[in-house]
Protein backbone atom coordinates (compact mmCIF):
# COMPACT_ATOMS: atom_id res chain seq x y z
CA MET A 1 -2.13 53.18 -14.17
CA ASN A 2 -0.76 56.30 -15.90
CA LEU A 3 2.77 55.36 -14.80
CA LEU A 4 2.38 51.88 -16.30
CA LEU A 5 1.09 53.34 -19.56
CA ALA A 6 3.96 55.84 -19.70
CA ALA A 7 6.51 53.08 -19.06
CA LEU A 8 4.98 50.92 -21.80
CA LEU A 9 4.98 53.83 -24.25
CA PHE A 10 8.63 54.57 -23.42
CA MET A 11 9.61 50.93 -24.05
CA VAL A 12 7.82 50.92 -27.41
CA MET A 13 9.61 54.13 -28.43
CA MET A 14 12.98 52.69 -27.40
CA PHE A 15 12.30 49.48 -29.33
CA GLU A 16 11.77 51.52 -32.49
CA THR A 17 15.01 53.41 -31.86
CA ILE A 18 17.25 50.35 -31.59
CA THR A 19 15.72 48.07 -34.19
CA SER A 20 18.16 46.93 -36.87
CA PHE A 21 17.42 45.51 -40.32
CA PRO A 22 18.51 41.85 -40.24
CA THR A 23 16.25 41.01 -43.19
CA GLY A 24 17.16 44.03 -45.28
CA ALA A 25 16.10 47.63 -45.52
CA PRO A 26 12.34 48.06 -45.16
CA ARG A 27 12.26 50.85 -47.77
CA CYS A 28 14.43 52.29 -50.55
CA ASP A 29 15.20 55.50 -48.64
CA VAL A 30 16.47 54.01 -45.37
CA ILE A 31 20.10 54.05 -44.25
CA PRO A 32 21.42 52.13 -41.22
CA SER A 33 21.70 55.26 -39.04
CA ASP A 34 18.00 56.13 -39.39
CA GLY A 35 16.79 55.89 -35.81
CA HIS A 36 19.71 53.71 -34.67
CA GLU A 37 21.70 54.62 -31.63
CA GLY A 38 25.02 53.10 -30.71
CA ARG A 39 27.02 53.39 -27.53
CA GLU A 40 27.92 57.01 -28.30
CA GLY A 41 24.67 58.35 -29.76
CA LEU A 42 23.23 58.29 -33.26
CA LEU A 43 25.29 56.18 -35.64
CA ALA A 44 27.19 57.78 -38.49
CA PRO A 45 28.64 56.15 -41.62
CA GLN A 46 32.34 55.34 -41.82
CA GLY A 47 34.55 58.08 -43.17
CA SER A 48 36.45 56.07 -45.77
CA TYR A 49 34.99 55.43 -49.22
CA VAL A 50 34.67 51.64 -49.01
CA PRO A 51 36.09 48.91 -46.75
CA HIS A 52 39.49 47.78 -48.01
CA ASN A 53 38.53 44.11 -48.12
CA VAL A 54 35.42 44.47 -50.33
CA ILE A 55 35.56 44.88 -54.10
CA ILE A 56 32.52 46.53 -55.67
CA SER A 57 32.15 46.41 -59.45
CA LYS A 58 29.69 46.45 -62.33
CA THR A 59 30.10 44.62 -65.61
CA GLU A 60 27.95 44.64 -68.73
CA LEU A 61 27.07 41.10 -69.80
CA GLU A 62 26.87 40.00 -73.44
CA ASP A 63 23.07 40.09 -73.37
CA GLY A 64 22.98 43.74 -72.18
CA ARG A 65 22.21 43.01 -68.52
CA TRP A 66 24.50 44.39 -65.79
CA TRP A 67 26.23 42.30 -63.12
CA ILE A 68 26.86 44.18 -59.85
CA LEU A 69 29.36 42.33 -57.66
CA LEU A 70 29.99 42.86 -53.95
CA GLN A 71 32.94 40.59 -53.19
CA SER A 72 34.96 40.18 -50.00
CA ASP A 73 38.42 38.68 -49.87
CA ILE A 74 37.24 35.48 -48.14
CA ASN A 75 34.73 32.65 -48.50
CA CYS A 76 31.97 32.38 -45.90
CA PRO A 77 30.11 29.21 -44.91
CA LEU A 78 26.38 29.71 -45.48
CA GLU A 79 25.50 29.08 -41.82
CA THR A 80 27.91 31.73 -40.51
CA THR A 81 26.53 34.88 -38.94
CA TYR A 82 29.64 36.81 -37.89
CA ILE A 83 33.21 36.31 -39.09
CA GLU A 84 36.03 38.67 -40.02
CA ASN A 85 36.34 40.26 -43.48
CA HIS A 86 32.71 40.02 -44.50
CA PHE A 87 29.65 42.19 -44.80
CA VAL A 88 26.19 41.42 -43.45
CA GLY A 89 23.97 43.83 -45.32
CA PHE A 90 23.62 45.96 -48.41
CA LEU A 91 21.25 48.18 -50.33
CA VAL A 92 21.81 48.79 -54.06
CA LYS A 93 19.73 51.53 -55.71
CA THR A 94 19.46 52.99 -59.18
CA GLU A 95 17.33 55.50 -61.04
CA SER A 96 18.32 54.06 -64.40
CA LEU A 97 15.55 52.72 -66.62
CA GLY A 98 15.08 48.97 -66.10
CA HIS A 99 14.64 46.57 -63.19
CA PHE A 100 16.59 44.28 -60.89
CA GLN A 101 16.22 40.61 -61.78
CA PRO A 102 14.76 38.74 -58.80
CA LEU A 103 17.14 36.10 -57.42
CA PRO A 104 16.94 33.99 -54.22
CA GLU A 105 20.02 35.69 -52.71
CA TYR A 106 18.40 39.13 -52.31
CA LYS A 107 15.01 40.81 -52.30
CA VAL A 108 13.74 43.50 -54.64
CA LEU A 109 12.21 46.47 -52.83
CA GLU A 110 9.10 48.37 -53.82
CA CYS A 111 10.09 52.04 -53.98
CA ASP A 112 7.73 54.98 -53.51
CA ASP A 113 8.64 56.76 -56.71
CA TRP A 114 8.45 55.21 -60.17
CA ARG A 115 12.09 55.95 -61.04
CA THR A 116 13.98 54.36 -58.12
CA LYS A 117 14.69 50.63 -58.03
CA ALA A 118 16.49 48.85 -55.17
CA VAL A 119 17.55 45.48 -53.78
CA THR A 120 18.67 44.49 -50.29
CA HIS A 121 19.87 41.49 -48.30
CA LYS A 122 17.47 38.84 -46.96
CA ASN A 123 19.27 37.83 -43.75
CA ARG A 124 22.07 38.85 -41.39
CA ARG A 125 24.42 36.00 -42.29
CA ALA A 126 27.97 36.87 -43.29
CA LYS A 127 28.32 37.53 -47.00
CA ALA A 128 31.49 37.36 -49.04
CA ASN A 129 30.17 37.28 -52.60
CA MET A 130 26.89 38.81 -53.73
CA GLY A 131 26.01 39.08 -57.41
CA ILE A 132 23.07 41.26 -58.44
CA ILE A 133 21.60 41.50 -61.94
CA PHE A 134 20.11 44.69 -63.38
CA VAL A 135 18.15 44.52 -66.65
CA PRO A 136 18.03 47.87 -68.45
CA ILE A 137 15.15 48.79 -70.71
CA GLY A 138 16.19 48.20 -74.30
CA GLY A 139 15.47 50.25 -77.36
CA GLY A 140 18.11 52.93 -76.82
CA TYR A 141 16.18 54.81 -74.13
CA GLU A 142 19.39 55.29 -72.16
CA THR A 143 22.70 55.75 -73.88
CA THR A 144 24.85 55.75 -70.74
CA ASP A 145 25.79 52.96 -68.36
CA PRO A 146 23.43 52.58 -65.40
CA GLU A 147 24.65 54.17 -62.18
CA PHE A 148 24.21 52.49 -58.82
CA THR A 149 24.40 53.83 -55.27
CA ILE A 150 25.34 51.28 -52.62
CA ILE A 151 25.12 51.06 -48.85
CA LEU A 152 27.34 48.36 -47.36
CA VAL A 153 26.95 47.15 -43.76
CA LYS A 154 29.83 45.43 -41.98
CA GLU A 155 28.07 45.27 -38.62
CA PHE A 156 25.53 47.27 -36.62
CA GLU A 157 27.85 50.22 -35.96
CA ARG A 158 30.05 50.04 -39.12
CA PHE A 159 28.54 50.89 -42.49
CA TRP A 160 29.33 52.90 -45.62
CA VAL A 161 26.85 54.96 -47.65
CA ASP A 162 26.84 56.65 -51.06
CA ILE A 163 29.25 54.24 -52.73
CA LYS A 164 28.85 55.02 -56.43
CA ILE A 165 29.55 52.65 -59.32
């Protein structure tokens, strides 16, 4: 009986180690390598700043909101899961005063501290164009543009962290 219990406990521990985040990050402070092992051990982010085929930008709209755009160089059918030149996941965080506007394309995360706000993907389908809206608090509380930190996931073993815009 002890051997069966030990085997079950080992399987549960391994399940936790290899679980990915197909429906987005579970928390604001999680990166893809947290507890994820690939073929050669714990996963590490890619060395380059951002994948060459993804444009990441922020633009202030006329009404004061901010449009964060993650755009690949292709169009993806909605039903597609894996194709070339796409990304499957993202996490956008900020400590700027304001909030992310909820939209059907992504989910807003509840963060542990009052200052951090974040959004993430809802599914593992290929994405080529993701627009995110951030609404700053008005009244002149912040005089600088909001800053965003982005994690971009190409696939399970290829991701970039600390992309700043």
